Amino acid sequence: MEVNQQARCRKLAKSSSFYSTVYSEIEEVGWEHLVRVGGDLNFLIFRVLDSKGRVHVLEIELDKAYPKVPPMVSADVPYIFNLEWSMNSRLKNLVQQFEEHLEKLQGFWSTLEEIDRSLQIVDSKQASRAIVSRQIQVGNDCFMLLSININDPRSLPECRFMGSGNVVNSLRKTWKRNVDRWVRDNAFLENLECLLNIQLPRPADEEKNNHLDECGICYAQYLPIGDEHGPKTGNATDYTCENNSCSKAFHSMCLVDWLRSITTTRQSFNVLFGNCPYCSEPIAVKINATKN
């Protein structure tokens, strides 16, 4: 959160009880977690980390009658939790409930990441944590649409085949005949290939896509203009996850700050070793890359 934004919020807090309430509750959550704020403090975006270090965006819309009227919430999740709210509730209670909701989805996201990492996904750049399905290349101009059970992600998924009639009919018959072969503790790729008796295409080694150029941590393409960023001020994203099914872009400065906030991060000389916030791919970032 930019210092001038915080100063603006502090100034607004002196003008009405609504602004004062929101300002104090943002402080309770922590300004370091606030990504963006609407001009009249009725719209807030927080960055929240789950237990696996994944970054999530929590968008909150506040009515002028807040806290009498509960906030409206949206996030990168397959379904929104039922918000428990009372007149005594505060933004920190909302964030805590969101964090609890994220923990319930860890197995689901781990399964999605396994699929994205091991199989060739159609429109992989559009895949998100909020979508329960993945469309997978099978070959011979055929595809399979897998729908993952959110509450039991290791179970046999729902499957729909699309493509050439004869090939699709054969795949359907093979799937139905072999459903008993699904073993929930086996790797997703292993289960699918066992059921279908074929080898599925692996992720294509495509060149990294430049359209994903917003930083996955600060959600801006360019660093703010200011002395605190030194020579990097105003720079575009300069680090990209090497996982082809992720390819998320970051500012190296933002990535270094984020890695330093994770207890599992290791440092060797001037290099930080950790995992991508989005796909958990191992990453290594030079600390002095933020000072060049």
C-alpha atoms as a PDB file:
ATOM      1  CA  MET A   1       0.000   0.000   0.000  1.00  0.00           C
ATOM      2  CA  GLU A   2       1.441   3.373  -1.012  1.00  0.00           C
ATOM      3  CA  VAL A   3       2.225   5.826   1.786  1.00  0.00           C
ATOM      4  CA  ASN A   4       0.252   8.642   0.120  1.00  0.00           C
ATOM      5  CA  GLN A   5      -2.798   6.358  -0.073  1.00  0.00           C
ATOM      6  CA  GLN A   6      -2.561   5.669   3.637  1.00  0.00           C
ATOM      7  CA  ALA A   7      -2.228   9.392   4.308  1.00  0.00           C
ATOM      8  CA  ARG A   8      -5.327  10.071   2.208  1.00  0.00           C
ATOM      9  CA  CYS A   9      -7.280   7.456   4.173  1.00  0.00           C
ATOM     10  CA  ARG A  10      -6.086   9.002   7.435  1.00  0.00           C
ATOM     11  CA  LYS A  11      -7.326  12.389   6.271  1.00  0.00           C
ATOM     12  CA  LEU A  12     -10.731  10.963   5.338  1.00  0.00           C
ATOM     13  CA  ALA A  13     -10.977   9.260   8.741  1.00  0.00           C
ATOM     14  CA  LYS A  14     -11.272  12.700  10.353  1.00  0.00           C
ATOM     15  CA  SER A  15     -14.319  13.672   8.310  1.00  0.00           C
ATOM     16  CA  SER A  16     -16.958  11.096   9.313  1.00  0.00           C
ATOM     17  CA  SER A  17     -17.640   8.134  11.577  1.00  0.00           C
ATOM     18  CA  PHE A  18     -17.813   5.806   8.543  1.00  0.00           C
ATOM     19  CA  TYR A  19     -14.335   6.741   7.354  1.00  0.00           C
ATOM     20  CA  SER A  20     -12.997   6.613  10.919  1.00  0.00           C
ATOM     21  CA  THR A  21     -14.404   3.113  11.416  1.00  0.00           C
ATOM     22  CA  VAL A  22     -13.031   1.776   8.144  1.00  0.00           C
ATOM     23  CA  TYR A  23      -9.628   3.360   8.715  1.00  0.00           C
ATOM     24  CA  SER A  24      -9.251   1.820  12.179  1.00  0.00           C
ATOM     25  CA  GLU A  25     -10.355  -1.598  10.917  1.00  0.00           C
ATOM     26  CA  ILE A  26      -7.867  -1.495   8.034  1.00  0.00           C
ATOM     27  CA  GLU A  27      -5.159  -0.846  10.625  1.00  0.00           C
ATOM     28  CA  GLU A  28      -6.279  -3.962  12.528  1.00  0.00           C
ATOM     29  CA  VAL A  29      -5.920  -6.098   9.403  1.00  0.00           C
ATOM     30  CA  GLY A  30      -2.639  -4.423   8.478  1.00  0.00           C
ATOM     31  CA  TRP A  31      -1.856  -1.843   5.823  1.00  0.00           C
ATOM     32  CA  GLU A  32       0.730  -4.201   4.337  1.00  0.00           C
ATOM     33  CA  HIS A  33      -2.156  -6.473   3.264  1.00  0.00           C
ATOM     34  CA  LEU A  34      -4.164  -3.702   1.585  1.00  0.00           C
ATOM     35  CA  VAL A  35      -3.604  -3.629  -2.184  1.00  0.00           C
ATOM     36  CA  ARG A  36      -6.130  -1.060  -3.330  1.00  0.00           C
ATOM     37  CA  VAL A  37      -8.769   1.203  -1.816  1.00  0.00           C
ATOM     38  CA  GLY A  38     -11.683   3.029  -3.406  1.00  0.00           C
ATOM     39  CA  GLY A  39     -11.782   6.816  -3.340  1.00  0.00           C
ATOM     40  CA  ASP A  40     -14.393   6.931  -0.588  1.00  0.00           C
ATOM     41  CA  LEU A  41     -13.189   3.787   1.252  1.00  0.00           C
ATOM     42  CA  ASN A  42     -16.229   1.790   0.133  1.00  0.00           C
ATOM     43  CA  PHE A  43     -14.127  -0.660  -1.883  1.00  0.00           C
ATOM     44  CA  LEU A  44     -11.096  -2.490  -0.491  1.00  0.00           C
ATOM     45  CA  ILE A  45      -8.795  -5.169  -1.885  1.00  0.00           C
ATOM     46  CA  PHE A  46      -6.692  -7.223   0.521  1.00  0.00           C
ATOM     47  CA  ARG A  47      -3.920  -9.691  -0.289  1.00  0.00           C
ATOM     48  CA  VAL A  48      -4.193 -12.864   1.814  1.00  0.00           C
ATOM     49  CA  LEU A  49      -1.756 -15.784   1.980  1.00  0.00           C
ATOM     50  CA  ASP A  50      -2.972 -19.307   2.672  1.00  0.00           C
ATOM     51  CA  SER A  51      -1.017 -21.984   4.539  1.00  0.00           C
ATOM     52  CA  LYS A  52       0.710 -23.069   1.299  1.00  0.00           C
ATOM     53  CA  GLY A  53       1.882 -19.541   0.544  1.00  0.00           C
ATOM     54  CA  ARG A  54      -0.579 -18.994  -2.297  1.00  0.00           C
ATOM     55  CA  VAL A  55      -1.638 -15.380  -2.805  1.00  0.00           C
ATOM     56  CA  HIS A  56      -5.366 -14.656  -2.851  1.00  0.00           C
ATOM     57  CA  VAL A  57      -7.222 -11.444  -3.614  1.00  0.00           C
ATOM     58  CA  LEU A  58     -10.114 -10.565  -1.312  1.00  0.00           C
ATOM     59  CA  GLU A  59     -12.390  -7.808  -2.618  1.00  0.00           C
ATOM     60  CA  ILE A  60     -14.702  -6.108  -0.118  1.00  0.00           C
ATOM     61  CA  GLU A  61     -17.478  -3.634  -0.902  1.00  0.00           C
ATOM     62  CA  LEU A  62     -18.859  -1.582   1.981  1.00  0.00           C
ATOM     63  CA  ASP A  63     -22.244   0.071   2.219  1.00  0.00           C
ATOM     64  CA  LYS A  64     -22.430   3.551   3.739  1.00  0.00           C
ATOM     65  CA  ALA A  65     -24.502   1.987   6.532  1.00  0.00           C
ATOM     66  CA  TYR A  66     -21.583  -0.312   7.427  1.00  0.00           C
ATOM     67  CA  PRO A  67     -21.329  -2.123   9.843  1.00  0.00           C
ATOM     68  CA  LYS A  68     -25.126  -2.337  10.117  1.00  0.00           C
ATOM     69  CA  VAL A  69     -25.116  -3.655   6.560  1.00  0.00           C
ATOM     70  CA  PRO A  70     -22.642  -6.536   6.137  1.00  0.00           C
ATOM     71  CA  PRO A  71     -19.903  -6.226   3.485  1.00  0.00           C
ATOM     72  CA  MET A  72     -20.184  -7.806   0.049  1.00  0.00           C
ATOM     73  CA  VAL A  73     -17.298 -10.171  -0.676  1.00  0.00           C
ATOM     74  CA  SER A  74     -15.730 -11.630  -3.820  1.00  0.00           C
ATOM     75  CA  ALA A  75     -12.534 -13.639  -4.256  1.00  0.00           C
ATOM     76  CA  ASP A  76     -10.678 -16.119  -6.479  1.00  0.00           C
ATOM     77  CA  VAL A  77     -12.466 -19.128  -4.958  1.00  0.00           C
ATOM     78  CA  PRO A  78     -14.966 -21.635  -6.432  1.00  0.00           C
ATOM     79  CA  TYR A  79     -17.628 -20.494  -3.979  1.00  0.00           C
ATOM     80  CA  ILE A  80     -17.915 -17.754  -1.364  1.00  0.00           C
ATOM     81  CA  PHE A  81     -18.218 -18.672   2.296  1.00  0.00           C
ATOM     82  CA  ASN A  82     -21.318 -17.787   4.314  1.00  0.00           C
ATOM     83  CA  LEU A  83     -20.252 -14.649   6.113  1.00  0.00           C
ATOM     84  CA  GLU A  84     -21.156 -14.577   9.800  1.00  0.00           C
ATOM     85  CA  TRP A  85     -21.791 -10.938  10.647  1.00  0.00           C
ATOM     86  CA  SER A  86     -23.137  -8.842  13.497  1.00  0.00           C
ATOM     87  CA  MET A  87     -22.988  -5.213  14.572  1.00  0.00           C
ATOM     88  CA  ASN A  88     -19.869  -6.062  16.572  1.00  0.00           C
ATOM     89  CA  SER A  89     -18.068  -7.658  13.612  1.00  0.00           C
ATOM     90  CA  ARG A  90     -15.050  -5.976  12.044  1.00  0.00           C
ATOM     91  CA  LEU A  91     -13.001  -6.366   8.889  1.00  0.00           C
ATOM     92  CA  LYS A  92     -10.469  -8.541  10.725  1.00  0.00           C
ATOM     93  CA  ASN A  93     -13.306 -11.011  11.460  1.00  0.00           C
ATOM     94  CA  LEU A  94     -14.138 -11.131   7.747  1.00  0.00           C
ATOM     95  CA  VAL A  95     -10.492 -11.759   6.822  1.00  0.00           C
ATOM     96  CA  GLN A  96     -10.262 -14.518   9.465  1.00  0.00           C
ATOM     97  CA  GLN A  97     -13.341 -16.231   8.039  1.00  0.00           C
ATOM     98  CA  PHE A  98     -11.828 -15.959   4.560  1.00  0.00           C
ATOM     99  CA  GLU A  99      -8.594 -17.556   5.796  1.00  0.00           C
ATOM    100  CA  GLU A 100     -10.578 -20.430   7.328  1.00  0.00           C
ATOM    101  CA  HIS A 101     -12.404 -20.847   4.019  1.00  0.00           C
ATOM    102  CA  LEU A 102      -9.086 -21.002   2.149  1.00  0.00           C
ATOM    103  CA  GLU A 103      -7.896 -23.846   4.365  1.00  0.00           C
ATOM    104  CA  LYS A 104     -10.902 -25.948   3.365  1.00  0.00           C
ATOM    105  CA  LEU A 105      -9.877 -25.575  -0.291  1.00  0.00           C
ATOM    106  CA  GLN A 106      -6.221 -26.591  -0.006  1.00  0.00           C
ATOM    107  CA  GLY A 107      -6.761 -30.149  -1.276  1.00  0.00           C
ATOM    108  CA  PHE A 108      -8.864 -28.890  -4.181  1.00  0.00           C
ATOM    109  CA  TRP A 109      -6.198 -26.404  -5.300  1.00  0.00           C
ATOM    110  CA  SER A 110      -3.401 -28.936  -4.908  1.00  0.00           C
ATOM    111  CA  THR A 111      -5.312 -31.240  -7.261  1.00  0.00           C
ATOM    112  CA  LEU A 112      -5.846 -28.449  -9.799  1.00  0.00           C
ATOM    113  CA  GLU A 113      -2.149 -27.597  -9.686  1.00  0.00           C
ATOM    114  CA  GLU A 114      -1.259 -31.252 -10.255  1.00  0.00           C
ATOM    115  CA  ILE A 115      -3.507 -31.333 -13.337  1.00  0.00           C
ATOM    116  CA  ASP A 116      -2.144 -28.039 -14.697  1.00  0.00           C
ATOM    117  CA  ARG A 117       1.420 -29.205 -14.153  1.00  0.00           C
ATOM    118  CA  SER A 118       1.150 -32.665 -15.731  1.00  0.00           C
ATOM    119  CA  LEU A 119      -1.452 -32.373 -18.517  1.00  0.00           C
ATOM    120  CA  GLN A 120      -1.968 -30.209 -21.590  1.00  0.00           C
ATOM    121  CA  ILE A 121      -4.715 -27.758 -20.669  1.00  0.00           C
ATOM    122  CA  VAL A 122      -6.812 -25.945 -23.262  1.00  0.00           C
ATOM    123  CA  ASP A 123      -6.659 -22.172 -22.639  1.00  0.00           C
ATOM    124  CA  SER A 124      -4.358 -22.736 -19.672  1.00  0.00           C
ATOM    125  CA  LYS A 125      -3.836 -18.981 -19.329  1.00  0.00           C
ATOM    126  CA  GLN A 126      -7.529 -18.580 -18.537  1.00  0.00           C
ATOM    127  CA  ALA A 127      -7.572 -21.295 -15.883  1.00  0.00           C
ATOM    128  CA  SER A 128      -8.101 -19.969 -12.391  1.00  0.00           C
ATOM    129  CA  ARG A 129      -8.515 -21.201  -8.839  1.00  0.00           C
ATOM    130  CA  ALA A 130     -12.205 -20.336  -8.988  1.00  0.00           C
ATOM    131  CA  ILE A 131     -12.955 -22.796 -11.822  1.00  0.00           C
ATOM    132  CA  VAL A 132     -13.650 -26.423 -10.838  1.00  0.00           C
ATOM    133  CA  SER A 133     -13.139 -27.825 -14.344  1.00  0.00           C
ATOM    134  CA  ARG A 134     -10.244 -28.267 -16.731  1.00  0.00           C
ATOM    135  CA  GLN A 135     -10.461 -28.997 -20.470  1.00  0.00           C
ATOM    136  CA  ILE A 136      -7.653 -31.390 -21.405  1.00  0.00           C
ATOM    137  CA  GLN A 137      -6.138 -32.336 -24.747  1.00  0.00           C
ATOM    138  CA  VAL A 138      -6.569 -36.055 -25.459  1.00  0.00           C
ATOM    139  CA  GLY A 139      -5.290 -36.129 -29.049  1.00  0.00           C
ATOM    140  CA  ASN A 140      -6.902 -36.732 -32.460  1.00  0.00           C
ATOM    141  CA  ASP A 141      -8.798 -33.430 -32.066  1.00  0.00           C
ATOM    142  CA  CYS A 142     -10.520 -34.746 -28.962  1.00  0.00           C
ATOM    143  CA  PHE A 143     -10.784 -33.205 -25.522  1.00  0.00           C
ATOM    144  CA  MET A 144     -12.022 -34.213 -22.105  1.00  0.00           C
ATOM    145  CA  LEU A 145     -13.692 -31.832 -19.666  1.00  0.00           C
ATOM    146  CA  LEU A 146     -12.947 -32.833 -16.090  1.00  0.00           C
ATOM    147  CA  SER A 147     -14.988 -31.435 -13.193  1.00  0.00           C
ATOM    148  CA  ILE A 148     -13.256 -31.800  -9.835  1.00  0.00           C
ATOM    149  CA  ASN A 149     -15.246 -32.468  -6.665  1.00  0.00           C
ATOM    150  CA  ILE A 150     -14.405 -29.511  -4.404  1.00  0.00           C
ATOM    151  CA  ASN A 151     -15.101 -31.456  -1.206  1.00  0.00           C
ATOM    152  CA  ASP A 152     -13.395 -34.668  -2.373  1.00  0.00           C
ATOM    153  CA  PRO A 153     -10.836 -33.631  -5.019  1.00  0.00           C
ATOM    154  CA  ARG A 154      -8.987 -36.976  -5.083  1.00  0.00           C
ATOM    155  CA  SER A 155     -12.135 -38.865  -6.057  1.00  0.00           C
ATOM    156  CA  LEU A 156     -13.086 -39.857  -9.615  1.00  0.00           C
ATOM    157  CA  PRO A 157     -13.970 -36.608 -11.442  1.00  0.00           C
ATOM    158  CA  GLU A 158     -16.967 -36.096 -13.661  1.00  0.00           C
ATOM    159  CA  CYS A 159     -15.844 -36.407 -17.267  1.00  0.00           C
ATOM    160  CA  ARG A 160     -17.288 -35.328 -20.616  1.00  0.00           C
ATOM    161  CA  PHE A 161     -15.584 -36.109 -23.933  1.00  0.00           C
ATOM    162  CA  MET A 162     -15.723 -33.805 -26.957  1.00  0.00           C
ATOM    163  CA  GLY A 163     -14.522 -34.263 -30.515  1.00  0.00           C
ATOM    164  CA  SER A 164     -14.694 -36.825 -33.316  1.00  0.00           C
ATOM    165  CA  GLY A 165     -17.678 -39.164 -32.880  1.00  0.00           C
ATOM    166  CA  ASN A 166     -15.928 -42.513 -33.293  1.00  0.00           C
ATOM    167  CA  VAL A 167     -12.961 -41.608 -31.091  1.00  0.00           C
ATOM    168  CA  VAL A 168     -15.174 -40.048 -28.412  1.00  0.00           C
ATOM    169  CA  ASN A 169     -17.460 -43.088 -28.329  1.00  0.00           C
ATOM    170  CA  SER A 170     -14.463 -45.357 -27.850  1.00  0.00           C
ATOM    171  CA  LEU A 171     -13.113 -43.156 -25.037  1.00  0.00           C
ATOM    172  CA  ARG A 172     -16.505 -43.133 -23.281  1.00  0.00           C
ATOM    173  CA  LYS A 173     -16.735 -46.918 -23.396  1.00  0.00           C
ATOM    174  CA  THR A 174     -13.188 -47.315 -22.084  1.00  0.00           C
ATOM    175  CA  TRP A 175     -13.843 -44.821 -19.276  1.00  0.00           C
ATOM    176  CA  LYS A 176     -17.022 -46.586 -18.139  1.00  0.00           C
ATOM    177  CA  ARG A 177     -15.367 -49.978 -18.333  1.00  0.00           C
ATOM    178  CA  ASN A 178     -12.369 -48.961 -16.216  1.00  0.00           C
ATOM    179  CA  VAL A 179     -13.807 -46.597 -13.592  1.00  0.00           C
ATOM    180  CA  ASP A 180     -13.015 -49.120 -10.862  1.00  0.00           C
ATOM    181  CA  ARG A 181      -9.310 -48.631 -11.589  1.00  0.00           C
ATOM    182  CA  TRP A 182      -9.349 -45.143 -10.050  1.00  0.00           C
ATOM    183  CA  VAL A 183      -7.160 -45.076  -6.928  1.00  0.00           C
ATOM    184  CA  ARG A 184      -7.548 -41.870  -4.927  1.00  0.00           C
ATOM    185  CA  ASP A 185      -3.965 -41.989  -3.608  1.00  0.00           C
ATOM    186  CA  ASN A 186      -2.423 -42.268  -7.078  1.00  0.00           C
ATOM    187  CA  ALA A 187      -1.264 -39.284  -9.134  1.00  0.00           C
ATOM    188  CA  PHE A 188      -4.015 -37.721 -11.242  1.00  0.00           C
ATOM    189  CA  LEU A 189      -2.133 -38.338 -14.500  1.00  0.00           C
ATOM    190  CA  GLU A 190      -1.527 -41.985 -13.566  1.00  0.00           C
ATOM    191  CA  ASN A 191      -5.230 -42.516 -12.843  1.00  0.00           C
ATOM    192  CA  LEU A 192      -6.394 -40.945 -16.107  1.00  0.00           C
ATOM    193  CA  GLU A 193      -3.979 -42.890 -18.283  1.00  0.00           C
ATOM    194  CA  CYS A 194      -4.884 -46.113 -16.463  1.00  0.00           C
ATOM    195  CA  LEU A 195      -8.585 -45.569 -17.091  1.00  0.00           C
ATOM    196  CA  LEU A 196      -8.195 -44.615 -20.734  1.00  0.00           C
ATOM    197  CA  ASN A 197      -5.360 -46.997 -21.630  1.00  0.00           C
ATOM    198  CA  ILE A 198      -3.546 -44.203 -23.474  1.00  0.00           C
ATOM    199  CA  GLN A 199      -0.731 -41.756 -22.893  1.00  0.00           C
ATOM    200  CA  LEU A 200      -2.097 -38.233 -22.639  1.00  0.00           C
ATOM    201  CA  PRO A 201      -0.272 -35.217 -24.119  1.00  0.00           C
ATOM    202  CA  ARG A 202       2.024 -33.404 -21.708  1.00  0.00           C
ATOM    203  CA  PRO A 203       2.071 -29.602 -21.363  1.00  0.00           C
ATOM    204  CA  ALA A 204       3.386 -27.915 -24.493  1.00  0.00           C
ATOM    205  CA  ASP A 205       6.731 -26.156 -24.114  1.00  0.00           C
ATOM    206  CA  GLU A 206       5.418 -22.855 -25.375  1.00  0.00           C
ATOM    207  CA  GLU A 207       7.157 -19.532 -25.260  1.00  0.00           C
ATOM    208  CA  LYS A 208       6.145 -17.497 -22.244  1.00  0.00           C
ATOM    209  CA  ASN A 209       3.121 -15.328 -22.871  1.00  0.00           C
ATOM    210  CA  ASN A 210       3.661 -11.612 -22.496  1.00  0.00           C
ATOM    211  CA  HIS A 211       0.026 -10.705 -21.845  1.00  0.00           C
ATOM    212  CA  LEU A 212       0.241 -11.784 -18.215  1.00  0.00           C
ATOM    213  CA  ASP A 213       2.303  -8.748 -17.297  1.00  0.00           C
ATOM    214  CA  GLU A 214       0.588  -7.538 -14.118  1.00  0.00           C
ATOM    215  CA  CYS A 215       2.533  -8.345 -10.981  1.00  0.00           C
ATOM    216  CA  GLY A 216       0.991 -11.276  -9.117  1.00  0.00           C
ATOM    217  CA  ILE A 217       1.733  -9.579  -5.795  1.00  0.00           C
ATOM    218  CA  CYS A 218       1.010  -5.857  -6.157  1.00  0.00           C
ATOM    219  CA  TYR A 219      -1.391  -6.294  -9.136  1.00  0.00           C
ATOM    220  CA  ALA A 220       0.148  -3.445 -11.107  1.00  0.00           C
ATOM    221  CA  GLN A 221       2.167  -3.611 -14.321  1.00  0.00           C
ATOM    222  CA  TYR A 222       4.565  -0.869 -13.239  1.00  0.00           C
ATOM    223  CA  LEU A 223       6.129  -0.041  -9.892  1.00  0.00           C
ATOM    224  CA  PRO A 224       4.953   3.279  -8.414  1.00  0.00           C
ATOM    225  CA  ILE A 225       7.055   6.347  -9.058  1.00  0.00           C
ATOM    226  CA  GLY A 226       8.991   7.196  -5.901  1.00  0.00           C
ATOM    227  CA  ASP A 227      12.418   7.428  -4.319  1.00  0.00           C
ATOM    228  CA  GLU A 228      11.803   4.305  -2.224  1.00  0.00           C
ATOM    229  CA  HIS A 229      12.143   2.172  -5.383  1.00  0.00           C
ATOM    230  CA  GLY A 230      15.451   3.716  -6.445  1.00  0.00           C
ATOM    231  CA  PRO A 231      16.473   2.989 -10.073  1.00  0.00           C
ATOM    232  CA  LYS A 232      13.586   0.494 -10.309  1.00  0.00           C
ATOM    233  CA  THR A 233      10.942   3.214  -9.916  1.00  0.00           C
ATOM    234  CA  GLY A 234       8.257   2.908 -12.589  1.00  0.00           C
ATOM    235  CA  ASN A 235       9.697  -0.365 -13.911  1.00  0.00           C
ATOM    236  CA  ALA A 236       7.506  -3.078 -15.441  1.00  0.00           C
ATOM    237  CA  THR A 237       7.407  -6.668 -14.193  1.00  0.00           C
ATOM    238  CA  ASP A 238      10.796  -8.334 -14.609  1.00  0.00           C
ATOM    239  CA  TYR A 239      10.386 -11.880 -13.267  1.00  0.00           C
ATOM    240  CA  THR A 240       8.216 -14.677 -14.682  1.00  0.00           C
ATOM    241  CA  CYS A 241       7.459 -18.080 -13.155  1.00  0.00           C
ATOM    242  CA  GLU A 242       9.167 -20.775 -15.229  1.00  0.00           C
ATOM    243  CA  ASN A 243       6.216 -23.186 -14.896  1.00  0.00           C
ATOM    244  CA  ASN A 244       4.585 -23.040 -18.372  1.00  0.00           C
ATOM    245  CA  SER A 245       1.113 -23.641 -16.936  1.00  0.00           C
ATOM    246  CA  CYS A 246       1.592 -20.642 -14.631  1.00  0.00           C
ATOM    247  CA  SER A 247       3.931 -18.056 -16.230  1.00  0.00           C
ATOM    248  CA  LYS A 248       2.823 -15.479 -13.661  1.00  0.00           C
ATOM    249  CA  ALA A 249       4.703 -12.197 -13.824  1.00  0.00           C
ATOM    250  CA  PHE A 250       6.156 -10.314 -10.847  1.00  0.00           C
ATOM    251  CA  HIS A 251       8.262  -7.328  -9.947  1.00  0.00           C
ATOM    252  CA  SER A 252      11.430  -8.802  -8.458  1.00  0.00           C
ATOM    253  CA  MET A 253      11.162  -6.221  -5.660  1.00  0.00           C
ATOM    254  CA  CYS A 254       7.662  -7.420  -4.766  1.00  0.00           C
ATOM    255  CA  LEU A 255       8.748 -11.048  -5.000  1.00  0.00           C
ATOM    256  CA  VAL A 256      11.707 -10.490  -2.661  1.00  0.00           C
ATOM    257  CA  ASP A 257       9.465  -8.764  -0.098  1.00  0.00           C
ATOM    258  CA  TRP A 258       6.923 -11.578  -0.334  1.00  0.00           C
ATOM    259  CA  LEU A 259       9.545 -14.334  -0.027  1.00  0.00           C
ATOM    260  CA  ARG A 260      10.966 -12.650   3.072  1.00  0.00           C
ATOM    261  CA  SER A 261       7.509 -12.859   4.677  1.00  0.00           C
ATOM    262  CA  ILE A 262       7.398 -16.669   4.252  1.00  0.00           C
ATOM    263  CA  THR A 263       9.006 -18.727   7.013  1.00  0.00           C
ATOM    264  CA  THR A 264      10.050 -21.528   4.630  1.00  0.00           C
ATOM    265  CA  THR A 265      12.133 -19.208   2.423  1.00  0.00           C
ATOM    266  CA  ARG A 266      15.874 -19.955   2.408  1.00  0.00           C
ATOM    267  CA  GLN A 267      18.669 -17.504   1.668  1.00  0.00           C
ATOM    268  CA  SER A 268      22.109 -18.319   0.303  1.00  0.00           C
ATOM    269  CA  PHE A 269      24.394 -15.330  -0.169  1.00  0.00           C
ATOM    270  CA  ASN A 270      22.273 -12.863  -2.175  1.00  0.00           C
ATOM    271  CA  VAL A 271      19.673 -15.359  -3.452  1.00  0.00           C
ATOM    272  CA  LEU A 272      16.289 -16.184  -1.915  1.00  0.00           C
ATOM    273  CA  PHE A 273      14.880 -19.664  -2.531  1.00  0.00           C
ATOM    274  CA  GLY A 274      11.166 -20.342  -2.180  1.00  0.00           C
ATOM    275  CA  ASN A 275       8.058 -21.211  -4.182  1.00  0.00           C
ATOM    276  CA  CYS A 276       5.867 -19.354  -6.656  1.00  0.00           C
ATOM    277  CA  PRO A 277       2.841 -17.833  -4.855  1.00  0.00           C
ATOM    278  CA  TYR A 278       0.525 -19.230  -7.538  1.00  0.00           C
ATOM    279  CA  CYS A 279       1.743 -22.680  -8.545  1.00  0.00           C
ATOM    280  CA  SER A 280       4.310 -23.550  -5.824  1.00  0.00           C
ATOM    281  CA  GLU A 281       7.037 -24.015  -8.471  1.00  0.00           C
ATOM    282  CA  PRO A 282      10.517 -23.593  -6.894  1.00  0.00           C
ATOM    283  CA  ILE A 283      11.911 -20.115  -7.587  1.00  0.00           C
ATOM    284  CA  ALA A 284      15.175 -18.323  -6.885  1.00  0.00           C
ATOM    285  CA  VAL A 285      15.420 -14.532  -6.836  1.00  0.00           C
ATOM    286  CA  LYS A 286      18.546 -12.425  -6.509  1.00  0.00           C
ATOM    287  CA  ILE A 287      18.196  -9.851  -3.764  1.00  0.00           C
ATOM    288  CA  ASN A 288      20.487  -7.404  -5.511  1.00  0.00           C
ATOM    289  CA  ALA A 289      18.177  -7.624  -8.561  1.00  0.00           C
ATOM    290  CA  THR A 290      15.995  -5.137  -6.685  1.00  0.00           C
ATOM    291  CA  LYS A 291      18.860  -2.642  -6.348  1.00  0.00           C
ATOM    292  CA  ASN A 292      20.417  -2.595  -9.765  1.00  0.00           C
END
